[in-house]
C-alpha atoms as a PDB file:
ATOM      1  CA  MET A   1     -67.284  23.367 -31.171  1.00  0.00           C
ATOM      2  CA  GLY A   2     -64.840  25.853 -32.613  1.00  0.00           C
ATOM      3  CA  THR A   3     -61.182  26.685 -32.948  1.00  0.00           C
ATOM      4  CA  CYS A   4     -59.531  29.726 -31.420  1.00  0.00           C
ATOM      5  CA  HIS A   5     -56.305  30.756 -33.110  1.00  0.00           C
ATOM      6  CA  CYS A   6     -55.170  33.292 -30.473  1.00  0.00           C
ATOM      7  CA  SER A   7     -51.663  32.810 -29.123  1.00  0.00           C
ATOM      8  CA  ARG A   8     -52.903  32.032 -25.593  1.00  0.00           C
ATOM      9  CA  CYS A   9     -55.110  29.125 -26.708  1.00  0.00           C
ATOM     10  CA  ARG A  10     -52.459  27.761 -29.060  1.00  0.00           C
ATOM     11  CA  LYS A  11     -49.788  27.819 -26.347  1.00  0.00           C
ATOM     12  CA  ALA A  12     -52.110  26.115 -23.865  1.00  0.00           C
ATOM     13  CA  GLY A  13     -52.779  23.323 -26.358  1.00  0.00           C
ATOM     14  CA  ALA A  14     -56.482  24.052 -26.127  1.00  0.00           C
ATOM     15  CA  SER A  15     -57.312  25.723 -29.434  1.00  0.00           C
ATOM     16  CA  THR A  16     -60.290  23.550 -30.342  1.00  0.00           C
ATOM     17  CA  ILE A  17     -62.986  24.024 -27.756  1.00  0.00           C
ATOM     18  CA  VAL A  18     -66.387  22.549 -27.000  1.00  0.00           C
ATOM     19  CA  PHE A  19     -68.978  24.609 -25.182  1.00  0.00           C
ATOM     20  CA  VAL A  20     -70.586  22.786 -22.254  1.00  0.00           C
ATOM     21  CA  LYS A  21     -73.603  23.809 -20.218  1.00  0.00           C
ATOM     22  CA  GLN A  22     -72.850  23.974 -16.498  1.00  0.00           C
ATOM     23  CA  ALA A  23     -76.022  21.957 -15.810  1.00  0.00           C
ATOM     24  CA  ASP A  24     -74.774  19.133 -18.082  1.00  0.00           C
ATOM     25  CA  LEU A  25     -71.347  18.758 -16.457  1.00  0.00           C
ATOM     26  CA  ARG A  26     -71.141  15.935 -13.952  1.00  0.00           C
ATOM     27  CA  TRP A  27     -67.874  15.215 -12.169  1.00  0.00           C
ATOM     28  CA  VAL A  28     -67.274  11.496 -11.791  1.00  0.00           C
ATOM     29  CA  GLN A  29     -63.746  11.715 -10.419  1.00  0.00           C
ATOM     30  CA  GLY A  30     -60.606  13.806 -10.556  1.00  0.00           C
ATOM     31  CA  ARG A  31     -62.042  17.244  -9.646  1.00  0.00           C
ATOM     32  CA  GLU A  32     -59.423  17.546  -6.888  1.00  0.00           C
ATOM     33  CA  ASN A  33     -56.661  17.230  -9.523  1.00  0.00           C
ATOM     34  CA  VAL A  34     -57.804  20.284 -11.499  1.00  0.00           C
ATOM     35  CA  THR A  35     -56.148  23.617 -10.865  1.00  0.00           C
ATOM     36  CA  LEU A  36     -56.663  27.104 -12.276  1.00  0.00           C
ATOM     37  CA  PHE A  37     -54.142  29.490 -13.791  1.00  0.00           C
ATOM     38  CA  GLN A  38     -55.520  33.036 -13.538  1.00  0.00           C
ATOM     39  CA  PRO A  39     -53.808  35.411 -16.014  1.00  0.00           C
ATOM     40  CA  GLU A  40     -52.979  39.043 -15.456  1.00  0.00           C
ATOM     41  CA  ALA A  41     -54.964  41.796 -17.185  1.00  0.00           C
ATOM     42  CA  PRO A  42     -55.846  42.411 -19.940  1.00  0.00           C
ATOM     43  CA  TYR A  43     -56.628  38.696 -20.170  1.00  0.00           C
ATOM     44  CA  LYS A  44     -59.905  37.745 -18.551  1.00  0.00           C
ATOM     45  CA  TYR A  45     -60.341  33.980 -18.611  1.00  0.00           C
ATOM     46  CA  GLY A  46     -58.545  31.540 -16.366  1.00  0.00           C
ATOM     47  CA  ARG A  47     -57.216  28.269 -17.759  1.00  0.00           C
ATOM     48  CA  CYS A  48     -57.632  24.952 -16.019  1.00  0.00           C
ATOM     49  CA  PHE A  49     -55.331  21.996 -16.251  1.00  0.00           C
ATOM     50  CA  CYS A  50     -54.844  18.589 -14.670  1.00  0.00           C
ATOM     51  CA  MET A  51     -52.165  18.598 -11.974  1.00  0.00           C
ATOM     52  CA  THR A  52     -51.552  14.878 -12.572  1.00  0.00           C
ATOM     53  CA  CYS A  53     -50.917  14.764 -16.333  1.00  0.00           C
ATOM     54  CA  GLY A  54     -50.821  18.436 -17.375  1.00  0.00           C
ATOM     55  CA  THR A  55     -53.732  18.172 -19.822  1.00  0.00           C
ATOM     56  CA  SER A  56     -55.211  21.530 -20.728  1.00  0.00           C
ATOM     57  CA  LEU A  57     -58.912  21.571 -19.779  1.00  0.00           C
ATOM     58  CA  GLY A  58     -60.121  24.998 -20.879  1.00  0.00           C
ATOM     59  CA  GLU A  59     -62.445  26.704 -18.397  1.00  0.00           C
ATOM     60  CA  ILE A  60     -63.913  23.594 -16.778  1.00  0.00           C
ATOM     61  CA  LEU A  61     -64.076  25.247 -13.314  1.00  0.00           C
ATOM     62  CA  SER A  62     -66.097  28.188 -14.635  1.00  0.00           C
ATOM     63  CA  GLN A  63     -69.276  29.140 -12.787  1.00  0.00           C
ATOM     64  CA  GLU A  64     -70.867  30.560 -15.973  1.00  0.00           C
ATOM     65  CA  ASP A  65     -73.980  28.907 -17.442  1.00  0.00           C
ATOM     66  CA  SER A  66     -71.859  27.596 -20.311  1.00  0.00           C
ATOM     67  CA  PHE A  67     -68.121  27.564 -20.866  1.00  0.00           C
ATOM     68  CA  PRO A  68     -65.471  26.119 -23.180  1.00  0.00           C
ATOM     69  CA  ILE A  69     -63.495  23.003 -22.424  1.00  0.00           C
ATOM     70  CA  ALA A  70     -60.600  21.737 -24.505  1.00  0.00           C
ATOM     71  CA  ALA A  71     -61.726  19.186 -27.094  1.00  0.00           C
ATOM     72  CA  ASN A  72     -58.350  17.441 -26.777  1.00  0.00           C
ATOM     73  CA  ALA A  73     -59.289  16.504 -23.191  1.00  0.00           C
ATOM     74  CA  LEU A  74     -62.216  14.351 -24.323  1.00  0.00           C
ATOM     75  CA  ASP A  75     -61.567  10.624 -24.684  1.00  0.00           C
ATOM     76  CA  GLU A  76     -64.436   9.720 -26.991  1.00  0.00           C
ATOM     77  CA  ASP A  77     -65.741  11.034 -30.296  1.00  0.00           C
ATOM     78  CA  ILE A  78     -68.476  13.531 -29.469  1.00  0.00           C
ATOM     79  CA  GLY A  79     -69.900  13.641 -32.974  1.00  0.00           C
ATOM     80  CA  LEU A  80     -69.253  17.351 -33.555  1.00  0.00           C
ATOM     81  CA  LYS A  81     -67.340  19.227 -36.243  1.00  0.00           C
ATOM     82  CA  VAL A  82     -65.719  22.661 -36.003  1.00  0.00           C
ATOM     83  CA  GLN A  83     -68.444  25.292 -36.461  1.00  0.00           C
ATOM     84  CA  PHE A  84     -66.298  28.445 -36.325  1.00  0.00           C
ATOM     85  CA  HIS A  85     -62.768  29.837 -36.248  1.00  0.00           C
ATOM     86  CA  GLU A  86     -61.999  32.932 -34.157  1.00  0.00           C
ATOM     87  CA  HIS A  87     -58.941  35.167 -33.809  1.00  0.00           C
ATOM     88  CA  VAL A  88     -57.745  34.097 -37.248  1.00  0.00           C
ATOM     89  CA  ALA A  89     -55.746  37.350 -37.396  1.00  0.00           C
ATOM     90  CA  GLU A  90     -53.375  35.702 -34.869  1.00  0.00           C
ATOM     91  CA  LYS A  91     -53.157  32.406 -36.768  1.00  0.00           C
ATOM     92  CA  PRO A  92     -49.556  31.541 -37.664  1.00  0.00           C
ATOM     93  CA  ASP A  93     -48.694  31.430 -41.364  1.00  0.00           C
ATOM     94  CA  TRP A  94     -47.735  27.755 -41.150  1.00  0.00           C
ATOM     95  CA  TYR A  95     -51.285  26.735 -40.152  1.00  0.00           C
ATOM     96  CA  GLU A  96     -53.862  26.354 -42.908  1.00  0.00           C
ATOM     97  CA  ILE A  97     -57.567  26.233 -42.090  1.00  0.00           C
ATOM     98  CA  CYS A  98     -58.911  23.321 -44.122  1.00  0.00           C
ATOM     99  CA  ASP A  99     -62.660  23.454 -43.542  1.00  0.00           C
ATOM    100  CA  GLU A 100     -65.551  25.673 -44.550  1.00  0.00           C
ATOM    101  CA  ALA A 101     -66.491  26.873 -41.045  1.00  0.00           C
ATOM    102  CA  PRO A 102     -66.997  30.654 -40.725  1.00  0.00           C
ATOM    103  CA  GLN A 103     -63.919  32.659 -39.756  1.00  0.00           C
ATOM    104  CA  SER A 104     -63.614  35.795 -37.632  1.00  0.00           C
ATOM    105  CA  GLU A 105     -60.500  37.962 -37.396  1.00  0.00           C
ATOM    106  CA  VAL A 106     -61.229  38.502 -33.679  1.00  0.00           C
ATOM    107  CA  HIS A 107     -63.725  37.082 -31.193  1.00  0.00           C
ATOM    108  CA  PRO A 108     -67.151  37.239 -32.902  1.00  0.00           C
ATOM    109  CA  GLU A 109     -68.541  39.448 -30.103  1.00  0.00           C
ATOM    110  CA  GLN A 110     -65.725  41.947 -30.735  1.00  0.00           C
ATOM    111  CA  ALA A 111     -66.316  42.137 -34.507  1.00  0.00           C
END
């Protein structure tokens, strides 16, 4: 679990993300209510949301082996703490990071 501070994630209300393995995801209900917003270049990743309530769901429709979903979409405590912060260069001045998790100015793979 980590927090992305890029403007896209903040605006989608999905800054804190949990990585899920495709093999571990099991749809119980509601799959038909999920839709995908595909951004224009240079952005790469589509964002999913619930058409019923508008909840931001991260990349829950991804076909990758693992993908991020929005932690705010989970109903129960999953027993995880933030392990990283990325894109902290885009973090607004009014937000203060208050944990000891490692921070990256950009996406760690871009650093």
